[in-house]
Amino acid sequence: HNSLITKCKNTRTTIARTFVPMLMGSAHKNKGVQNLLDAVCRYLPAPNEVTNVGFDQDNDEAQVELDTDPKKPLVGLAFKIQDLPIGQLTYFRIYQGTIKKGDTLLNMSTNKKQQVKRLLRMHADEAKEVNFASAGDIVAIGGLECSSGTTLTDGRVHVTLSSMYVPQPVVESIIENLPSLIAV
């Protein structure tokens, strides 16, 4: 009970931006990775605890509130593209509805339809094929041709999303192994 109250307080202050958790770590030897994952659960809101809006293309781009209901029409955002030897891998966040392997998606930028051939749940460098994913999930779609920032729907609604804002890093540094830089 106490941990639930603490979680609620932490999430509210994070959403209000009066509290900004800061963690440090390194992917090398997984230093701090578990602390980061614990902090995500402890301080960040669940997808149904935030309001997401889209822009209705059939109604002069009027704002519409998206719902995390898996039964509603699908609306999602392709936010990262990875070109691999086997083809393009598109990382996709589902804001509303459900996506299934074999579904047809409508690219809201080009009005072209494409089929979901592979639907993957990613964990580090491992991919697990799944049959469906719902609002709040992030999945990878194999073989989908689109660009980063593209809104994809199931065609039942014509809603677009704003691209995700990614700020420039405040601190940036490169640490290199000195002995490997010295020519012998």
Protein backbone atom coordinates (compact mmCIF):
# COMPACT_ATOMS: atom_id res chain seq x y z
CA HIS A 1 0.00 0.00 0.00
CA ASN A 2 2.77 2.43 0.95
CA SER A 3 4.73 1.71 -2.25
CA LEU A 4 1.59 2.41 -4.34
CA ILE A 5 1.15 5.83 -2.66
CA THR A 6 4.84 6.61 -3.27
CA LYS A 7 4.49 5.56 -6.95
CA CYS A 8 1.48 7.87 -7.39
CA LYS A 9 3.30 10.84 -5.81
CA ASN A 10 6.46 10.20 -7.87
CA THR A 11 4.49 9.90 -11.12
CA ARG A 12 2.49 13.11 -10.47
CA THR A 13 5.63 15.14 -9.76
CA THR A 14 7.34 13.74 -12.87
CA ILE A 15 4.34 14.58 -15.08
CA ALA A 16 4.20 18.09 -13.55
CA ARG A 17 7.94 18.40 -14.27
CA THR A 18 8.63 19.46 -10.68
CA PHE A 19 10.83 16.39 -10.24
CA VAL A 20 13.31 15.16 -12.83
CA PRO A 21 15.05 11.89 -11.99
CA MET A 22 18.69 11.73 -13.05
CA LEU A 23 20.59 8.48 -13.22
CA MET A 24 24.01 7.51 -14.48
CA GLY A 25 25.29 4.24 -15.77
CA SER A 26 26.88 2.44 -18.64
CA ALA A 27 25.65 -0.26 -20.98
CA HIS A 28 29.15 -1.73 -20.68
CA LYS A 29 28.85 -4.55 -18.14
CA ASN A 30 25.26 -3.37 -17.42
CA LYS A 31 26.34 -0.81 -14.82
CA GLY A 32 23.23 1.03 -13.64
CA VAL A 33 20.89 -0.59 -16.19
CA GLN A 34 18.70 -2.23 -13.54
CA ASN A 35 18.50 1.08 -11.64
CA LEU A 36 17.34 2.77 -14.84
CA LEU A 37 14.66 0.16 -15.46
CA ASP A 38 13.49 0.43 -11.83
CA ALA A 39 13.34 4.23 -12.17
CA VAL A 40 11.19 3.97 -15.30
CA CYS A 41 8.66 1.91 -13.33
CA ARG A 42 8.92 4.11 -10.24
CA TYR A 43 8.81 7.62 -11.74
CA LEU A 44 7.29 7.56 -15.21
CA PRO A 45 3.57 7.40 -15.91
CA ALA A 46 1.88 4.42 -17.53
CA PRO A 47 0.52 5.12 -21.04
CA ASN A 48 -3.04 5.48 -19.68
CA GLU A 49 -1.90 8.14 -17.16
CA VAL A 50 -1.04 10.76 -19.80
CA THR A 51 -3.13 12.52 -22.42
CA ASN A 52 -2.05 12.01 -26.03
CA VAL A 53 -3.61 13.99 -28.85
CA GLY A 54 -3.70 13.59 -32.59
CA PHE A 55 -4.93 15.77 -35.42
CA ASP A 56 -8.04 14.71 -37.32
CA GLN A 57 -7.28 15.10 -41.04
CA ASP A 58 -10.98 14.80 -41.93
CA ASN A 59 -11.91 17.71 -39.63
CA ASP A 60 -9.45 20.53 -40.46
CA GLU A 61 -6.78 19.03 -38.16
CA ALA A 62 -8.94 19.41 -35.06
CA GLN A 63 -7.30 17.96 -31.96
CA VAL A 64 -8.62 14.59 -30.88
CA GLU A 65 -7.76 12.84 -27.64
CA LEU A 66 -6.40 9.33 -28.13
CA ASP A 67 -7.54 6.55 -25.84
CA THR A 68 -5.46 3.54 -24.75
CA ASP A 69 -8.47 1.30 -25.42
CA PRO A 70 -7.26 -1.68 -27.49
CA LYS A 71 -10.68 -1.90 -29.23
CA LYS A 72 -10.48 1.61 -30.72
CA PRO A 73 -9.05 2.25 -34.22
CA LEU A 74 -5.26 1.88 -34.42
CA VAL A 75 -3.09 5.01 -34.27
CA GLY A 76 0.68 4.75 -33.89
CA LEU A 77 3.95 6.49 -34.67
CA ALA A 78 7.02 5.14 -36.43
CA PHE A 79 9.76 6.79 -34.38
CA LYS A 80 12.95 4.97 -35.33
CA ILE A 81 14.11 3.29 -38.52
CA GLN A 82 16.89 0.74 -38.67
CA ASP A 83 18.24 -0.45 -42.02
CA LEU A 84 19.39 -4.05 -41.78
CA PRO A 85 20.67 -6.49 -44.40
CA ILE A 86 17.27 -8.25 -44.25
CA GLY A 87 15.35 -4.97 -44.78
CA GLN A 88 13.97 -2.05 -42.82
CA LEU A 89 13.00 -2.44 -39.17
CA THR A 90 10.53 0.20 -37.97
CA TYR A 91 10.13 0.90 -34.26
CA PHE A 92 6.50 1.74 -33.64
CA ARG A 93 4.68 3.13 -30.59
CA ILE A 94 0.99 2.31 -30.36
CA TYR A 95 -1.04 5.18 -28.92
CA GLN A 96 -4.50 3.70 -29.53
CA GLY A 97 -5.92 0.36 -30.66
CA THR A 98 -4.29 -2.96 -31.47
CA ILE A 99 -2.00 -4.13 -34.26
CA LYS A 100 -1.87 -7.73 -35.47
CA LYS A 101 0.46 -9.61 -37.74
CA GLY A 102 -1.14 -9.54 -41.21
CA ASP A 103 -2.99 -6.22 -40.63
CA THR A 104 -2.94 -3.53 -43.29
CA LEU A 105 -1.61 -0.14 -42.16
CA LEU A 106 -2.29 3.22 -43.80
CA ASN A 107 0.70 5.57 -44.02
CA MET A 108 -0.82 8.98 -43.29
CA SER A 109 2.02 10.80 -45.10
CA THR A 110 1.70 8.96 -48.41
CA ASN A 111 -1.82 7.41 -48.17
CA LYS A 112 -0.25 4.07 -49.16
CA LYS A 113 -1.29 0.82 -47.52
CA GLN A 114 1.20 -1.81 -46.37
CA GLN A 115 0.83 -5.16 -44.71
CA VAL A 116 2.41 -6.03 -41.34
CA LYS A 117 4.57 -9.02 -42.27
CA ARG A 118 6.61 -9.33 -39.07
CA LEU A 119 5.70 -7.97 -35.65
CA LEU A 120 8.50 -8.11 -33.11
CA ARG A 121 8.94 -7.35 -29.41
CA MET A 122 12.49 -6.15 -28.91
CA HIS A 123 14.58 -6.73 -25.82
CA ALA A 124 18.15 -5.43 -26.10
CA ASP A 125 19.47 -7.14 -29.24
CA GLU A 126 16.93 -9.98 -29.13
CA ALA A 127 13.73 -10.01 -31.18
CA LYS A 128 10.72 -12.16 -30.32
CA GLU A 129 7.97 -12.55 -32.89
CA VAL A 130 4.50 -11.71 -31.51
CA ASN A 131 1.03 -11.97 -33.05
CA PHE A 132 -0.37 -8.69 -31.70
CA ALA A 133 0.40 -5.60 -29.61
CA SER A 134 -1.89 -3.00 -28.02
CA ALA A 135 -1.95 0.65 -26.96
CA GLY A 136 1.03 1.51 -24.78
CA ASP A 137 3.30 -1.07 -26.42
CA ILE A 138 6.39 -0.39 -28.47
CA VAL A 139 7.10 -2.96 -31.16
CA ALA A 140 9.24 -3.33 -34.24
CA ILE A 141 7.71 -4.03 -37.63
CA GLY A 142 9.82 -5.81 -40.20
CA GLY A 143 9.59 -4.92 -43.89
CA LEU A 144 7.53 -1.74 -43.49
CA GLU A 145 8.62 1.12 -45.76
CA CYS A 146 8.22 4.51 -44.09
CA SER A 147 10.29 7.22 -42.49
CA SER A 148 10.77 8.31 -38.91
CA GLY A 149 7.92 10.46 -37.61
CA THR A 150 5.28 8.80 -39.81
CA THR A 151 1.81 8.18 -38.38
CA LEU A 152 0.29 4.83 -39.28
CA THR A 153 -3.37 3.90 -38.73
CA ASP A 154 -5.62 0.98 -39.60
CA GLY A 155 -7.49 3.27 -42.02
CA ARG A 156 -10.64 3.59 -39.88
CA VAL A 157 -9.49 7.05 -38.70
CA HIS A 158 -7.39 9.67 -40.45
CA VAL A 159 -5.40 11.02 -37.52
CA THR A 160 -1.80 12.24 -37.55
CA LEU A 161 0.57 12.63 -34.61
CA SER A 162 3.32 15.13 -33.95
CA SER A 163 6.83 13.78 -34.18
CA MET A 164 8.55 13.05 -30.88
CA TYR A 165 10.74 15.90 -29.66
CA VAL A 166 14.25 14.75 -28.82
CA PRO A 167 16.35 17.52 -27.25
CA GLN A 168 20.06 17.88 -27.90
CA PRO A 169 22.22 16.39 -25.13
CA VAL A 170 23.39 18.83 -22.49
CA VAL A 171 26.62 16.91 -21.91
CA GLU A 172 28.27 14.93 -24.64
CA SER A 173 31.64 13.25 -24.54
CA ILE A 174 33.52 10.46 -26.20
CA ILE A 175 35.83 8.26 -24.20
CA GLU A 176 38.33 6.32 -26.27
CA ASN A 177 40.89 3.75 -25.33
CA LEU A 178 44.20 5.67 -25.49
CA PRO A 179 46.52 2.68 -26.17
CA SER A 180 44.50 1.76 -29.29
CA LEU A 181 45.03 5.29 -30.66
CA ILE A 182 48.81 5.20 -30.39
CA ALA A 183 50.47 3.78 -33.48
CA VAL A 184 53.32 1.43 -32.66
